[in-house]
PDB file of N, CA and C in Angstrom:
ATOM      1  N   MET A   1      -9.701  -9.758 -15.608  1.00  0.00           N
ATOM      2  CA  MET A   1     -10.866  -9.937 -14.690  1.00  0.00           C
ATOM      3  C   MET A   1     -10.420 -10.600 -13.338  1.00  0.00           C
ATOM      4  N   ALA A   2      -9.554 -11.643 -13.526  1.00  0.00           N
ATOM      5  CA  ALA A   2      -9.026 -12.389 -12.563  1.00  0.00           C
ATOM      6  C   ALA A   2      -8.026 -11.409 -11.525  1.00  0.00           C
ATOM      7  N   LEU A   3      -7.314 -10.558 -12.263  1.00  0.00           N
ATOM      8  CA  LEU A   3      -6.478  -9.715 -11.483  1.00  0.00           C
ATOM      9  C   LEU A   3      -7.227  -8.840 -10.575  1.00  0.00           C
ATOM     10  N   TYR A   4      -8.434  -8.295 -11.227  1.00  0.00           N
ATOM     11  CA  TYR A   4      -9.249  -7.218 -10.317  1.00  0.00           C
ATOM     12  C   TYR A   4      -9.814  -8.108  -9.157  1.00  0.00           C
ATOM     13  N   SER A   5     -10.140  -9.375  -9.296  1.00  0.00           N
ATOM     14  CA  SER A   5     -10.840 -10.152  -8.354  1.00  0.00           C
ATOM     15  C   SER A   5      -9.781 -10.752  -7.079  1.00  0.00           C
ATOM     16  N   PHE A   6      -8.556 -11.018  -7.475  1.00  0.00           N
ATOM     17  CA  PHE A   6      -7.784 -11.739  -6.521  1.00  0.00           C
ATOM     18  C   PHE A   6      -7.647 -10.887  -5.188  1.00  0.00           C
ATOM     19  N   PRO A   7      -7.389  -9.532  -5.315  1.00  0.00           N
ATOM     20  CA  PRO A   7      -7.249  -8.797  -3.854  1.00  0.00           C
ATOM     21  C   PRO A   7      -8.423  -8.946  -3.047  1.00  0.00           C
ATOM     22  N   ALA A   8      -9.695  -8.970  -3.508  1.00  0.00           N
ATOM     23  CA  ALA A   8     -10.898  -9.012  -2.745  1.00  0.00           C
ATOM     24  C   ALA A   8     -11.135 -10.499  -2.346  1.00  0.00           C
ATOM     25  N   LEU A   9     -10.852 -11.417  -3.150  1.00  0.00           N
ATOM     26  CA  LEU A   9     -11.144 -12.791  -2.747  1.00  0.00           C
ATOM     27  C   LEU A   9     -10.221 -13.190  -1.592  1.00  0.00           C
ATOM     28  N   LEU A  10      -8.865 -12.826  -1.825  1.00  0.00           N
ATOM     29  CA  LEU A  10      -7.912 -13.144  -0.924  1.00  0.00           C
ATOM     30  C   LEU A  10      -7.743 -12.336   0.277  1.00  0.00           C
ATOM     31  N   ASN A  11      -8.521 -11.250   0.414  1.00  0.00           N
ATOM     32  CA  ASN A  11      -8.130 -10.063   1.258  1.00  0.00           C
ATOM     33  C   ASN A  11      -6.710  -9.894   1.475  1.00  0.00           C
ATOM     34  N   SER A  12      -6.060  -9.487   0.428  1.00  0.00           N
ATOM     35  CA  SER A  12      -4.610  -9.303   0.337  1.00  0.00           C
ATOM     36  C   SER A  12      -4.150  -8.116   1.185  1.00  0.00           C
ATOM     37  N   LYS A  13      -3.069  -8.247   1.946  1.00  0.00           N
ATOM     38  CA  LYS A  13      -2.483  -7.292   2.647  1.00  0.00           C
ATOM     39  C   LYS A  13      -1.515  -6.443   1.694  1.00  0.00           C
ATOM     40  N   LEU A  14      -0.807  -7.269   0.873  1.00  0.00           N
ATOM     41  CA  LEU A  14       0.151  -6.794  -0.037  1.00  0.00           C
ATOM     42  C   LEU A  14       0.096  -7.290  -1.409  1.00  0.00           C
ATOM     43  N   TYR A  15       0.144  -6.388  -2.290  1.00  0.00           N
ATOM     44  CA  TYR A  15       0.332  -6.626  -3.766  1.00  0.00           C
ATOM     45  C   TYR A  15       1.774  -6.221  -4.341  1.00  0.00           C
ATOM     46  N   LEU A  16       2.546  -7.138  -4.614  1.00  0.00           N
ATOM     47  CA  LEU A  16       4.082  -6.933  -4.926  1.00  0.00           C
ATOM     48  C   LEU A  16       3.927  -7.034  -6.420  1.00  0.00           C
ATOM     49  N   GLU A  17       4.221  -6.073  -7.265  1.00  0.00           N
ATOM     50  CA  GLU A  17       4.255  -6.269  -8.587  1.00  0.00           C
ATOM     51  C   GLU A  17       5.615  -6.035  -9.220  1.00  0.00           C
ATOM     52  N   ILE A  18       5.993  -7.047  -9.878  1.00  0.00           N
ATOM     53  CA  ILE A  18       7.412  -6.970 -10.692  1.00  0.00           C
ATOM     54  C   ILE A  18       7.047  -6.588 -12.019  1.00  0.00           C
ATOM     55  N   GLY A  19       7.414  -5.302 -12.379  1.00  0.00           N
ATOM     56  CA  GLY A  19       6.915  -4.921 -13.708  1.00  0.00           C
ATOM     57  C   GLY A  19       5.398  -4.108 -13.657  1.00  0.00           C
ATOM     58  N   SER A  20       5.415  -3.008 -13.822  1.00  0.00           N
ATOM     59  CA  SER A  20       4.148  -2.205 -13.471  1.00  0.00           C
ATOM     60  C   SER A  20       3.593  -1.883 -14.830  1.00  0.00           C
ATOM     61  N   GLY A  21       2.397  -1.311 -14.703  1.00  0.00           N
ATOM     62  CA  GLY A  21       1.725  -0.759 -15.856  1.00  0.00           C
ATOM     63  C   GLY A  21       0.319  -0.791 -15.832  1.00  0.00           C
ATOM     64  N   ASN A  22      -0.443  -1.302 -16.756  1.00  0.00           N
ATOM     65  CA  ASN A  22      -1.956  -1.405 -16.792  1.00  0.00           C
ATOM     66  C   ASN A  22      -2.358  -2.346 -15.603  1.00  0.00           C
ATOM     67  N   SER A  23      -1.674  -3.384 -15.499  1.00  0.00           N
ATOM     68  CA  SER A  23      -2.088  -4.269 -14.321  1.00  0.00           C
ATOM     69  C   SER A  23      -2.330  -3.498 -13.067  1.00  0.00           C
ATOM     70  N   THR A  24      -1.400  -2.637 -12.773  1.00  0.00           N
ATOM     71  CA  THR A  24      -1.366  -1.952 -11.562  1.00  0.00           C
ATOM     72  C   THR A  24      -2.764  -1.169 -11.359  1.00  0.00           C
ATOM     73  N   LYS A  25      -3.274  -0.639 -12.595  1.00  0.00           N
ATOM     74  CA  LYS A  25      -4.523   0.173 -12.609  1.00  0.00           C
ATOM     75  C   LYS A  25      -5.617  -0.711 -12.180  1.00  0.00           C
ATOM     76  N   PHE A  26      -5.686  -2.045 -12.721  1.00  0.00           N
ATOM     77  CA  PHE A  26      -6.687  -3.004 -12.312  1.00  0.00           C
ATOM     78  C   PHE A  26      -6.715  -3.281 -10.909  1.00  0.00           C
ATOM     79  N   VAL A  27      -5.469  -3.392 -10.455  1.00  0.00           N
ATOM     80  CA  VAL A  27      -5.444  -3.745  -8.810  1.00  0.00           C
ATOM     81  C   VAL A  27      -6.002  -2.588  -8.221  1.00  0.00           C
ATOM     82  N   ARG A  28      -5.413  -1.433  -8.377  1.00  0.00           N
ATOM     83  CA  ARG A  28      -5.880  -0.267  -7.606  1.00  0.00           C
ATOM     84  C   ARG A  28      -7.291  -0.021  -7.744  1.00  0.00           C
ATOM     85  N   LYS A  29      -8.036  -0.394  -8.860  1.00  0.00           N
ATOM     86  CA  LYS A  29      -9.429  -0.125  -8.905  1.00  0.00           C
ATOM     87  C   LYS A  29     -10.225  -1.095  -8.086  1.00  0.00           C
ATOM     88  N   SER A  30      -9.766  -2.360  -7.818  1.00  0.00           N
ATOM     89  CA  SER A  30     -10.333  -3.347  -7.280  1.00  0.00           C
ATOM     90  C   SER A  30     -10.236  -2.935  -5.643  1.00  0.00           C
ATOM     91  N   ILE A  31      -9.061  -2.338  -5.331  1.00  0.00           N
ATOM     92  CA  ILE A  31      -8.768  -1.828  -3.989  1.00  0.00           C
ATOM     93  C   ILE A  31      -9.713  -0.759  -3.559  1.00  0.00           C
ATOM     94  N   ARG A  32      -9.992   0.213  -4.560  1.00  0.00           N
ATOM     95  CA  ARG A  32     -10.928   1.247  -4.346  1.00  0.00           C
ATOM     96  C   ARG A  32     -12.418   0.789  -4.184  1.00  0.00           C
ATOM     97  N   ASP A  33     -12.724  -0.020  -5.185  1.00  0.00           N
ATOM     98  CA  ASP A  33     -14.176  -0.398  -5.341  1.00  0.00           C
ATOM     99  C   ASP A  33     -14.600  -1.345  -4.151  1.00  0.00           C
ATOM    100  N   ASN A  34     -13.627  -2.010  -3.558  1.00  0.00           N
ATOM    101  CA  ASN A  34     -13.914  -2.884  -2.637  1.00  0.00           C
ATOM    102  C   ASN A  34     -13.562  -2.486  -1.243  1.00  0.00           C
ATOM    103  N   GLY A  35     -12.999  -1.266  -1.149  1.00  0.00           N
ATOM    104  CA  GLY A  35     -12.596  -0.735   0.277  1.00  0.00           C
ATOM    105  C   GLY A  35     -11.498  -1.553   0.916  1.00  0.00           C
ATOM    106  N   LEU A  36     -10.627  -2.065   0.087  1.00  0.00           N
ATOM    107  CA  LEU A  36      -9.549  -2.986   0.752  1.00  0.00           C
ATOM    108  C   LEU A  36      -8.441  -2.090   1.314  1.00  0.00           C
ATOM    109  N   GLY A  37      -7.805  -2.785   2.228  1.00  0.00           N
ATOM    110  CA  GLY A  37      -6.522  -2.149   2.848  1.00  0.00           C
ATOM    111  C   GLY A  37      -5.333  -2.616   2.173  1.00  0.00           C
ATOM    112  N   THR A  38      -5.232  -3.294   0.969  1.00  0.00           N
ATOM    113  CA  THR A  38      -4.148  -3.813   0.165  1.00  0.00           C
ATOM    114  C   THR A  38      -3.156  -2.646  -0.089  1.00  0.00           C
ATOM    115  N   ARG A  39      -1.790  -2.852   0.319  1.00  0.00           N
ATOM    116  CA  ARG A  39      -0.816  -1.841  -0.091  1.00  0.00           C
ATOM    117  C   ARG A  39      -0.202  -2.439  -1.677  1.00  0.00           C
ATOM    118  N   ILE A  40       0.077  -1.468  -2.377  1.00  0.00           N
ATOM    119  CA  ILE A  40       0.735  -1.861  -3.721  1.00  0.00           C
ATOM    120  C   ILE A  40       2.223  -1.413  -3.692  1.00  0.00           C
ATOM    121  N   VAL A  41       3.008  -2.313  -3.899  1.00  0.00           N
ATOM    122  CA  VAL A  41       4.540  -2.005  -4.062  1.00  0.00           C
ATOM    123  C   VAL A  41       4.758  -2.387  -5.539  1.00  0.00           C
ATOM    124  N   SER A  42       5.324  -1.575  -6.188  1.00  0.00           N
ATOM    125  CA  SER A  42       5.778  -1.585  -7.687  1.00  0.00           C
ATOM    126  C   SER A  42       7.230  -1.738  -7.739  1.00  0.00           C
ATOM    127  N   VAL A  43       7.810  -2.702  -8.344  1.00  0.00           N
ATOM    128  CA  VAL A  43       9.347  -2.767  -8.670  1.00  0.00           C
ATOM    129  C   VAL A  43       9.546  -2.890 -10.193  1.00  0.00           C
ATOM    130  N   ASP A  44       9.942  -1.663 -10.685  1.00  0.00           N
ATOM    131  CA  ASP A  44      10.100  -1.583 -12.130  1.00  0.00           C
ATOM    132  C   ASP A  44      10.921  -0.461 -12.415  1.00  0.00           C
ATOM    133  N   PRO A  45      12.021  -0.497 -13.201  1.00  0.00           N
ATOM    134  CA  PRO A  45      12.860   0.723 -13.353  1.00  0.00           C
ATOM    135  C   PRO A  45      12.228   1.666 -14.281  1.00  0.00           C
ATOM    136  N   HIS A  46      11.417   1.002 -15.180  1.00  0.00           N
ATOM    137  CA  HIS A  46      10.633   1.979 -16.206  1.00  0.00           C
ATOM    138  C   HIS A  46       9.319   1.492 -16.498  1.00  0.00           C
ATOM    139  N   PRO A  47       8.353   1.898 -15.625  1.00  0.00           N
ATOM    140  CA  PRO A  47       6.948   1.304 -15.749  1.00  0.00           C
ATOM    141  C   PRO A  47       6.219   1.736 -17.045  1.00  0.00           C
ATOM    142  N   ARG A  48       5.471   1.009 -17.618  1.00  0.00           N
ATOM    143  CA  ARG A  48       5.040   1.201 -19.081  1.00  0.00           C
ATOM    144  C   ARG A  48       3.884   2.114 -18.877  1.00  0.00           C
ATOM    145  N   ALA A  49       3.399   2.666 -17.850  1.00  0.00           N
ATOM    146  CA  ALA A  49       2.276   3.581 -17.736  1.00  0.00           C
ATOM    147  C   ALA A  49       2.528   4.387 -16.477  1.00  0.00           C
ATOM    148  N   GLU A  50       1.881   5.515 -16.395  1.00  0.00           N
ATOM    149  CA  GLU A  50       2.132   6.458 -15.221  1.00  0.00           C
ATOM    150  C   GLU A  50       1.442   5.817 -14.057  1.00  0.00           C
ATOM    151  N   ILE A  51       2.088   5.114 -13.244  1.00  0.00           N
ATOM    152  CA  ILE A  51       1.494   4.387 -12.234  1.00  0.00           C
ATOM    153  C   ILE A  51       1.930   4.794 -10.685  1.00  0.00           C
ATOM    154  N   ASP A  52       2.894   5.639 -10.670  1.00  0.00           N
ATOM    155  CA  ASP A  52       3.579   5.999  -9.222  1.00  0.00           C
ATOM    156  C   ASP A  52       2.369   6.498  -8.335  1.00  0.00           C
ATOM    157  N   SER A  53       1.515   7.291  -8.806  1.00  0.00           N
ATOM    158  CA  SER A  53       0.527   7.639  -7.931  1.00  0.00           C
ATOM    159  C   SER A  53      -0.548   6.627  -7.552  1.00  0.00           C
ATOM    160  N   LEU A  54      -0.582   5.564  -8.088  1.00  0.00           N
ATOM    161  CA  LEU A  54      -1.497   4.497  -7.700  1.00  0.00           C
ATOM    162  C   LEU A  54      -0.736   3.531  -6.786  1.00  0.00           C
ATOM    163  N   CYS A  55       0.471   3.600  -6.430  1.00  0.00           N
ATOM    164  CA  CYS A  55       1.171   2.791  -5.585  1.00  0.00           C
ATOM    165  C   CYS A  55       1.562   3.320  -4.256  1.00  0.00           C
ATOM    166  N   ASP A  56       1.560   2.393  -3.404  1.00  0.00           N
ATOM    167  CA  ASP A  56       1.885   2.935  -1.969  1.00  0.00           C
ATOM    168  C   ASP A  56       3.399   3.038  -1.765  1.00  0.00           C
ATOM    169  N   GLU A  57       3.976   2.240  -2.429  1.00  0.00           N
ATOM    170  CA  GLU A  57       5.787   2.249  -2.484  1.00  0.00           C
ATOM    171  C   GLU A  57       6.089   1.862  -3.960  1.00  0.00           C
ATOM    172  N   VAL A  58       7.087   2.689  -4.341  1.00  0.00           N
ATOM    173  CA  VAL A  58       7.617   2.435  -5.657  1.00  0.00           C
ATOM    174  C   VAL A  58       9.157   2.185  -5.520  1.00  0.00           C
ATOM    175  N   ILE A  59       9.653   1.300  -6.413  1.00  0.00           N
ATOM    176  CA  ILE A  59      11.075   0.864  -6.259  1.00  0.00           C
ATOM    177  C   ILE A  59      11.482   0.953  -7.575  1.00  0.00           C
ATOM    178  N   ARG A  60      12.039   2.081  -8.098  1.00  0.00           N
ATOM    179  CA  ARG A  60      12.390   2.210  -9.574  1.00  0.00           C
ATOM    180  C   ARG A  60      14.004   1.616  -9.650  1.00  0.00           C
ATOM    181  N   SER A  61      13.948   0.399  -9.783  1.00  0.00           N
ATOM    182  CA  SER A  61      15.249  -0.326  -9.755  1.00  0.00           C
ATOM    183  C   SER A  61      14.915  -1.635 -10.510  1.00  0.00           C
ATOM    184  N   PRO A  62      15.991  -2.229 -11.225  1.00  0.00           N
ATOM    185  CA  PRO A  62      15.851  -3.567 -11.814  1.00  0.00           C
ATOM    186  C   PRO A  62      15.595  -4.532 -10.521  1.00  0.00           C
ATOM    187  N   LEU A  63      14.973  -5.545 -10.832  1.00  0.00           N
ATOM    188  CA  LEU A  63      14.657  -6.603  -9.675  1.00  0.00           C
ATOM    189  C   LEU A  63      15.937  -7.269  -9.115  1.00  0.00           C
ATOM    190  N   GLU A  64      16.885  -7.397  -9.890  1.00  0.00           N
ATOM    191  CA  GLU A  64      18.034  -8.009  -9.319  1.00  0.00           C
ATOM    192  C   GLU A  64      18.945  -7.045  -8.351  1.00  0.00           C
ATOM    193  N   ASN A  65      18.460  -5.865  -8.290  1.00  0.00           N
ATOM    194  CA  ASN A  65      19.096  -4.839  -7.404  1.00  0.00           C
ATOM    195  C   ASN A  65      18.276  -4.632  -6.131  1.00  0.00           C
ATOM    196  N   VAL A  66      17.065  -5.159  -6.136  1.00  0.00           N
ATOM    197  CA  VAL A  66      16.162  -4.958  -4.814  1.00  0.00           C
ATOM    198  C   VAL A  66      16.724  -5.914  -3.734  1.00  0.00           C
ATOM    199  N   ASP A  67      16.628  -5.111  -2.473  1.00  0.00           N
ATOM    200  CA  ASP A  67      17.052  -5.783  -1.324  1.00  0.00           C
ATOM    201  C   ASP A  67      16.027  -6.968  -1.086  1.00  0.00           C
ATOM    202  N   LEU A  68      16.630  -8.155  -0.676  1.00  0.00           N
ATOM    203  CA  LEU A  68      15.905  -9.310  -0.634  1.00  0.00           C
ATOM    204  C   LEU A  68      14.820  -9.328   0.487  1.00  0.00           C
ATOM    205  N   MET A  69      15.053  -8.438   1.545  1.00  0.00           N
ATOM    206  CA  MET A  69      14.150  -8.244   2.667  1.00  0.00           C
ATOM    207  C   MET A  69      12.722  -7.884   2.075  1.00  0.00           C
ATOM    208  N   LEU A  70      12.667  -7.241   0.977  1.00  0.00           N
ATOM    209  CA  LEU A  70      11.253  -7.057   0.374  1.00  0.00           C
ATOM    210  C   LEU A  70      10.417  -8.172   0.141  1.00  0.00           C
ATOM    211  N   PHE A  71      11.009  -9.280   0.004  1.00  0.00           N
ATOM    212  CA  PHE A  71      10.318 -10.557  -0.127  1.00  0.00           C
ATOM    213  C   PHE A  71      10.049 -11.232   1.079  1.00  0.00           C
TER     214      PHE A  71
END
């Protein structure tokens, strides 16, 4: 419930997720339900659910290999 609420309460521009799966689905639902402009960036070499279509950007790499400019 909290994860669904945070993007709307904070009017988030970006949701950066390290390790993706079901939590990504909750955030995307919040974005859709609340008409938000939040972008989802997923960093996970092997997400636990089919979530690529839910994300605005996917980085299928271990976190330690990600360019620090992302942060």
